[in-house]
Amino acid sequence: MSMVSYVVIPGIDGSDGQHWQTLWEKRWGVLGVRIEPRSWSEPDLADWIDSVQTAFEVASERDSDVVLVAHSLGCWAAAVWLGRNPSAQVKGAFLVAPPDPRGSAFPSTAAPTFLSVEARTLPCPSLVVASADDPYCTLDAARRLAAGWGSAWHPAGAVGHVNSASELGSWPRGQGVLEAFVQR
C-alpha cells in the first residue's frame, strides 16, 4: 500500500483540540494538511474551496495518495471542490456528519453561501459516515446525500454530530472505518 496524505477539512468554527480530526491530524504529522480559510465562524464557500485547493496542492506534493477527511460543513467544501476539480488525483473522500442544507438546523445565517449546494456525483470513491441522532442531519437525509454523491454509506451509531461534544476522543472506531476505506 502506498503512503497516504490527508487533507483535513473541518466544519464551521474549525475542529478544536478535543475533536477527532485534530487528534488524527496530530497523529499523521506532516501527512495531514488542514485547510486554512479566512474565517472559520463566517464560512464563505468560495474561500473554503480555495482553501481546499491550497491544502490539496501541499498534500499532493508528497509522493502519496491524497484522501480528503471532512467533517460537517467541510463535507460540502470538499464535495463542491471535487465537483469543480474532477481530474484531481484524489484517492477518496471521507465525509463525516454532513449537515442537511435543507434542514431546519443548517447554519444558514452563518454560512449563507452554502445554501445553494447540491449533492452531485463525486469523481472519486467516497464514504458518508452519519450519526443516528445528528441534530444537523437525519439519517434519511444523510442517506440521500450519500446517494446524490454516489458515496458508500456507514452508520456511526448514536453519536450526535460526531464532534467534540460527542466525546469520542481520537474516535478509534472512525479510524478503523477510514483505514478500511483507504485500503479498498
C-alpha atoms as a PDB file:
ATOM      1  CA  MET A   1       0.000   0.000   0.000  1.00  0.00           C
ATOM      2  CA  SER A   2       1.330   3.444  -0.863  1.00  0.00           C
ATOM      3  CA  MET A   3       1.665   6.286   1.611  1.00  0.00           C
ATOM      4  CA  VAL A   4      -1.394   8.487   2.163  1.00  0.00           C
ATOM      5  CA  SER A   5      -1.594  12.236   2.787  1.00  0.00           C
ATOM      6  CA  TYR A   6      -4.766  13.645   4.290  1.00  0.00           C
ATOM      7  CA  VAL A   7      -6.457  16.973   3.596  1.00  0.00           C
ATOM      8  CA  VAL A   8      -8.312  17.834   6.812  1.00  0.00           C
ATOM      9  CA  ILE A   9     -11.471  19.865   6.183  1.00  0.00           C
ATOM     10  CA  PRO A  10     -13.225  20.813   9.446  1.00  0.00           C
ATOM     11  CA  GLY A  11     -16.661  22.345   9.720  1.00  0.00           C
ATOM     12  CA  ILE A  12     -17.814  25.719  10.948  1.00  0.00           C
ATOM     13  CA  ASP A  13     -15.619  27.085  13.778  1.00  0.00           C
ATOM     14  CA  GLY A  14     -12.881  24.574  12.887  1.00  0.00           C
ATOM     15  CA  SER A  15     -12.106  21.494  14.965  1.00  0.00           C
ATOM     16  CA  ASP A  16     -10.863  22.205  18.485  1.00  0.00           C
ATOM     17  CA  GLY A  17      -8.140  20.314  20.343  1.00  0.00           C
ATOM     18  CA  GLN A  18     -10.523  17.574  21.520  1.00  0.00           C
ATOM     19  CA  HIS A  19     -12.025  16.899  18.092  1.00  0.00           C
ATOM     20  CA  TRP A  20     -11.139  13.608  16.416  1.00  0.00           C
ATOM     21  CA  GLN A  21      -9.945  15.469  13.286  1.00  0.00           C
ATOM     22  CA  THR A  22      -7.369  17.417  15.287  1.00  0.00           C
ATOM     23  CA  LEU A  23      -6.244  14.296  17.147  1.00  0.00           C
ATOM     24  CA  TRP A  24      -5.894  12.363  13.879  1.00  0.00           C
ATOM     25  CA  GLU A  25      -4.044  15.261  12.274  1.00  0.00           C
ATOM     26  CA  LYS A  26      -1.528  15.271  15.142  1.00  0.00           C
ATOM     27  CA  ARG A  27      -1.026  11.531  14.677  1.00  0.00           C
ATOM     28  CA  TRP A  28      -0.492  11.964  10.939  1.00  0.00           C
ATOM     29  CA  GLY A  29       2.129  14.693  11.425  1.00  0.00           C
ATOM     30  CA  VAL A  30       3.311  16.134   8.120  1.00  0.00           C
ATOM     31  CA  LEU A  31       0.953  13.789   6.242  1.00  0.00           C
ATOM     32  CA  GLY A  32      -2.048  15.814   7.477  1.00  0.00           C
ATOM     33  CA  VAL A  33      -2.743  19.202   5.908  1.00  0.00           C
ATOM     34  CA  ARG A  34      -5.582  21.319   7.343  1.00  0.00           C
ATOM     35  CA  ILE A  35      -7.381  23.878   5.222  1.00  0.00           C
ATOM     36  CA  GLU A  36      -6.908  27.495   6.312  1.00  0.00           C
ATOM     37  CA  PRO A  37      -9.895  29.623   5.286  1.00  0.00           C
ATOM     38  CA  ARG A  38     -10.076  33.328   6.123  1.00  0.00           C
ATOM     39  CA  SER A  39     -12.898  32.677   8.577  1.00  0.00           C
ATOM     40  CA  TRP A  40     -13.990  29.578  10.446  1.00  0.00           C
ATOM     41  CA  SER A  41     -17.001  31.271  12.070  1.00  0.00           C
ATOM     42  CA  GLU A  42     -18.329  33.059   8.959  1.00  0.00           C
ATOM     43  CA  PRO A  43     -17.626  30.475   6.267  1.00  0.00           C
ATOM     44  CA  ASP A  44     -17.643  31.578   2.652  1.00  0.00           C
ATOM     45  CA  LEU A  45     -17.943  28.701   0.195  1.00  0.00           C
ATOM     46  CA  ALA A  46     -15.595  30.232  -2.404  1.00  0.00           C
ATOM     47  CA  ASP A  47     -12.946  30.874   0.246  1.00  0.00           C
ATOM     48  CA  TRP A  48     -13.278  27.369   1.675  1.00  0.00           C
ATOM     49  CA  ILE A  49     -12.980  25.847  -1.819  1.00  0.00           C
ATOM     50  CA  ASP A  50      -9.813  27.895  -2.381  1.00  0.00           C
ATOM     51  CA  SER A  51      -8.505  26.617   0.968  1.00  0.00           C
ATOM     52  CA  VAL A  52      -9.185  23.019  -0.075  1.00  0.00           C
ATOM     53  CA  GLN A  53      -7.269  23.677  -3.297  1.00  0.00           C
ATOM     54  CA  THR A  54      -4.279  25.091  -1.422  1.00  0.00           C
ATOM     55  CA  ALA A  55      -4.208  22.200   1.062  1.00  0.00           C
ATOM     56  CA  PHE A  56      -4.596  19.686  -1.776  1.00  0.00           C
ATOM     57  CA  GLU A  57      -1.621  21.230  -3.579  1.00  0.00           C
ATOM     58  CA  VAL A  58       0.524  20.880  -0.451  1.00  0.00           C
ATOM     59  CA  ALA A  59      -0.629  17.295   0.151  1.00  0.00           C
ATOM     60  CA  SER A  60      -0.139  16.267  -3.476  1.00  0.00           C
ATOM     61  CA  GLU A  61       3.483  17.496  -3.469  1.00  0.00           C
ATOM     62  CA  ARG A  62       4.316  14.368  -1.482  1.00  0.00           C
ATOM     63  CA  ASP A  63       4.748  11.042  -3.176  1.00  0.00           C
ATOM     64  CA  SER A  64       1.481   9.755  -1.748  1.00  0.00           C
ATOM     65  CA  ASP A  65      -2.194   9.212  -2.356  1.00  0.00           C
ATOM     66  CA  VAL A  66      -4.452  12.058  -1.161  1.00  0.00           C
ATOM     67  CA  VAL A  67      -7.597  11.459   0.877  1.00  0.00           C
ATOM     68  CA  LEU A  68      -9.973  14.240   1.913  1.00  0.00           C
ATOM     69  CA  VAL A  69     -11.171  13.909   5.525  1.00  0.00           C
ATOM     70  CA  ALA A  70     -14.095  16.267   6.008  1.00  0.00           C
ATOM     71  CA  HIS A  71     -16.491  16.958   8.861  1.00  0.00           C
ATOM     72  CA  SER A  72     -19.820  18.777   8.871  1.00  0.00           C
ATOM     73  CA  LEU A  73     -19.810  21.890   6.664  1.00  0.00           C
ATOM     74  CA  GLY A  74     -16.364  20.798   5.460  1.00  0.00           C
ATOM     75  CA  CYS A  75     -18.096  17.926   3.632  1.00  0.00           C
ATOM     76  CA  TRP A  76     -19.763  20.498   1.404  1.00  0.00           C
ATOM     77  CA  ALA A  77     -16.497  22.348   0.760  1.00  0.00           C
ATOM     78  CA  ALA A  78     -14.906  19.020  -0.180  1.00  0.00           C
ATOM     79  CA  ALA A  79     -17.808  17.956  -2.420  1.00  0.00           C
ATOM     80  CA  VAL A  80     -18.024  21.266  -4.272  1.00  0.00           C
ATOM     81  CA  TRP A  81     -14.232  21.369  -4.709  1.00  0.00           C
ATOM     82  CA  LEU A  82     -14.253  17.814  -6.084  1.00  0.00           C
ATOM     83  CA  GLY A  83     -17.068  18.735  -8.466  1.00  0.00           C
ATOM     84  CA  ARG A  84     -15.009  21.623  -9.804  1.00  0.00           C
ATOM     85  CA  ASN A  85     -11.819  19.555  -9.987  1.00  0.00           C
ATOM     86  CA  PRO A  86     -12.911  16.178 -11.375  1.00  0.00           C
ATOM     87  CA  SER A  87      -9.434  15.312 -12.648  1.00  0.00           C
ATOM     88  CA  ALA A  88      -7.712  15.949  -9.302  1.00  0.00           C
ATOM     89  CA  GLN A  89      -5.834  12.860  -8.191  1.00  0.00           C
ATOM     90  CA  VAL A  90      -7.855  12.109  -5.047  1.00  0.00           C
ATOM     91  CA  LYS A  91      -7.920   8.542  -3.729  1.00  0.00           C
ATOM     92  CA  GLY A  92     -11.095   9.181  -1.761  1.00  0.00           C
ATOM     93  CA  ALA A  93     -13.307  11.471   0.286  1.00  0.00           C
ATOM     94  CA  PHE A  94     -14.237  10.520   3.866  1.00  0.00           C
ATOM     95  CA  LEU A  95     -17.301  12.660   4.645  1.00  0.00           C
ATOM     96  CA  VAL A  96     -18.408  12.668   8.286  1.00  0.00           C
ATOM     97  CA  ALA A  97     -21.682  14.189   9.536  1.00  0.00           C
ATOM     98  CA  PRO A  98     -22.587  16.347   6.540  1.00  0.00           C
ATOM     99  CA  PRO A  99     -25.281  18.856   7.505  1.00  0.00           C
ATOM    100  CA  ASP A 100     -28.514  18.875   5.514  1.00  0.00           C
ATOM    101  CA  PRO A 101     -28.686  22.249   3.727  1.00  0.00           C
ATOM    102  CA  ARG A 102     -32.483  21.859   3.547  1.00  0.00           C
ATOM    103  CA  GLY A 103     -32.771  21.034   7.268  1.00  0.00           C
ATOM    104  CA  SER A 104     -34.001  23.488   9.887  1.00  0.00           C
ATOM    105  CA  ALA A 105     -30.731  23.327  11.878  1.00  0.00           C
ATOM    106  CA  PHE A 106     -28.445  24.199   8.934  1.00  0.00           C
ATOM    107  CA  PRO A 107     -26.324  27.267   9.876  1.00  0.00           C
ATOM    108  CA  SER A 108     -27.930  29.395   7.155  1.00  0.00           C
ATOM    109  CA  THR A 109     -27.240  32.715   8.898  1.00  0.00           C
ATOM    110  CA  ALA A 110     -23.551  31.970   9.467  1.00  0.00           C
ATOM    111  CA  ALA A 111     -22.996  30.164   6.143  1.00  0.00           C
ATOM    112  CA  PRO A 112     -25.399  31.664   3.566  1.00  0.00           C
ATOM    113  CA  THR A 113     -23.068  30.910   0.633  1.00  0.00           C
ATOM    114  CA  PHE A 114     -23.508  27.185   1.350  1.00  0.00           C
ATOM    115  CA  LEU A 115     -27.311  27.244   0.981  1.00  0.00           C
ATOM    116  CA  SER A 116     -27.325  26.506  -2.744  1.00  0.00           C
ATOM    117  CA  VAL A 117     -25.152  23.370  -2.533  1.00  0.00           C
ATOM    118  CA  GLU A 118     -26.478  20.148  -4.042  1.00  0.00           C
ATOM    119  CA  ALA A 119     -25.198  16.599  -3.784  1.00  0.00           C
ATOM    120  CA  ARG A 120     -23.833  15.657  -7.194  1.00  0.00           C
ATOM    121  CA  THR A 121     -21.874  12.527  -8.090  1.00  0.00           C
ATOM    122  CA  LEU A 122     -18.285  12.814  -6.899  1.00  0.00           C
ATOM    123  CA  PRO A 123     -15.390  11.898  -9.209  1.00  0.00           C
ATOM    124  CA  CYS A 124     -13.648   9.668  -6.653  1.00  0.00           C
ATOM    125  CA  PRO A 125     -14.618   6.951  -4.186  1.00  0.00           C
ATOM    126  CA  SER A 126     -16.350   8.433  -1.162  1.00  0.00           C
ATOM    127  CA  LEU A 127     -17.876   7.359   2.111  1.00  0.00           C
ATOM    128  CA  VAL A 128     -20.514   9.192   4.142  1.00  0.00           C
ATOM    129  CA  VAL A 129     -20.411   8.459   7.875  1.00  0.00           C
ATOM    130  CA  ALA A 130     -23.521   9.626   9.722  1.00  0.00           C
ATOM    131  CA  SER A 131     -24.925   9.507  13.229  1.00  0.00           C
ATOM    132  CA  ALA A 132     -28.429   8.327  14.104  1.00  0.00           C
ATOM    133  CA  ASP A 133     -29.014  11.390  16.296  1.00  0.00           C
ATOM    134  CA  ASP A 134     -27.168  14.163  14.474  1.00  0.00           C
ATOM    135  CA  PRO A 135     -29.112  17.400  15.087  1.00  0.00           C
ATOM    136  CA  TYR A 136     -27.936  18.772  11.715  1.00  0.00           C
ATOM    137  CA  CYS A 137     -28.921  15.836   9.517  1.00  0.00           C
ATOM    138  CA  THR A 138     -31.370  12.977   9.859  1.00  0.00           C
ATOM    139  CA  LEU A 139     -30.284   9.511   8.780  1.00  0.00           C
ATOM    140  CA  ASP A 140     -32.701   9.671   5.853  1.00  0.00           C
ATOM    141  CA  ALA A 141     -31.209  12.977   4.710  1.00  0.00           C
ATOM    142  CA  ALA A 142     -27.673  11.596   5.123  1.00  0.00           C
ATOM    143  CA  ARG A 143     -28.611   8.575   3.001  1.00  0.00           C
ATOM    144  CA  ARG A 144     -29.991  10.926   0.329  1.00  0.00           C
ATOM    145  CA  LEU A 145     -26.767  12.950   0.367  1.00  0.00           C
ATOM    146  CA  ALA A 146     -24.712   9.759   0.083  1.00  0.00           C
ATOM    147  CA  ALA A 147     -26.840   8.626  -2.859  1.00  0.00           C
ATOM    148  CA  GLY A 148     -26.516  12.029  -4.539  1.00  0.00           C
ATOM    149  CA  TRP A 149     -22.745  11.954  -4.141  1.00  0.00           C
ATOM    150  CA  GLY A 150     -22.551   8.321  -5.263  1.00  0.00           C
ATOM    151  CA  SER A 151     -20.978   7.546  -1.895  1.00  0.00           C
ATOM    152  CA  ALA A 152     -20.863   4.407   0.160  1.00  0.00           C
ATOM    153  CA  TRP A 153     -22.704   4.687   3.443  1.00  0.00           C
ATOM    154  CA  HIS A 154     -21.659   3.916   7.033  1.00  0.00           C
ATOM    155  CA  PRO A 155     -23.918   4.418  10.075  1.00  0.00           C
ATOM    156  CA  ALA A 156     -21.877   5.543  13.106  1.00  0.00           C
ATOM    157  CA  GLY A 157     -24.477   4.802  15.767  1.00  0.00           C
ATOM    158  CA  ALA A 158     -25.976   7.488  18.002  1.00  0.00           C
ATOM    159  CA  VAL A 159     -23.009   9.829  18.446  1.00  0.00           C
ATOM    160  CA  GLY A 160     -24.534  13.274  17.937  1.00  0.00           C
ATOM    161  CA  HIS A 161     -22.789  15.485  15.405  1.00  0.00           C
ATOM    162  CA  VAL A 162     -19.609  13.379  15.625  1.00  0.00           C
ATOM    163  CA  ASN A 163     -17.752  16.352  17.091  1.00  0.00           C
ATOM    164  CA  SER A 164     -16.037  17.280  20.357  1.00  0.00           C
ATOM    165  CA  ALA A 165     -19.387  17.412  22.161  1.00  0.00           C
ATOM    166  CA  SER A 166     -19.791  13.724  21.250  1.00  0.00           C
ATOM    167  CA  GLU A 167     -16.751  12.992  23.472  1.00  0.00           C
ATOM    168  CA  LEU A 168     -15.285  10.493  21.004  1.00  0.00           C
ATOM    169  CA  GLY A 169     -11.658  11.395  21.722  1.00  0.00           C
ATOM    170  CA  SER A 170      -9.494  10.003  18.939  1.00  0.00           C
ATOM    171  CA  TRP A 171     -12.550   8.019  17.758  1.00  0.00           C
ATOM    172  CA  PRO A 172     -10.897   4.615  17.247  1.00  0.00           C
ATOM    173  CA  ARG A 173     -13.996   3.213  15.533  1.00  0.00           C
ATOM    174  CA  GLY A 174     -13.840   6.034  12.970  1.00  0.00           C
ATOM    175  CA  GLN A 175     -10.130   5.422  12.459  1.00  0.00           C
ATOM    176  CA  GLY A 176     -10.916   1.818  11.624  1.00  0.00           C
ATOM    177  CA  VAL A 177     -13.616   2.867   9.158  1.00  0.00           C
ATOM    178  CA  LEU A 178     -11.204   5.316   7.491  1.00  0.00           C
ATOM    179  CA  GLU A 179      -8.420   2.719   7.291  1.00  0.00           C
ATOM    180  CA  ALA A 180     -10.767   0.159   5.718  1.00  0.00           C
ATOM    181  CA  PHE A 181     -11.994   2.809   3.252  1.00  0.00           C
ATOM    182  CA  VAL A 182      -8.454   3.813   2.262  1.00  0.00           C
ATOM    183  CA  GLN A 183      -7.373   0.194   1.787  1.00  0.00           C
ATOM    184  CA  ARG A 184     -10.253  -0.546  -0.632  1.00  0.00           C
END
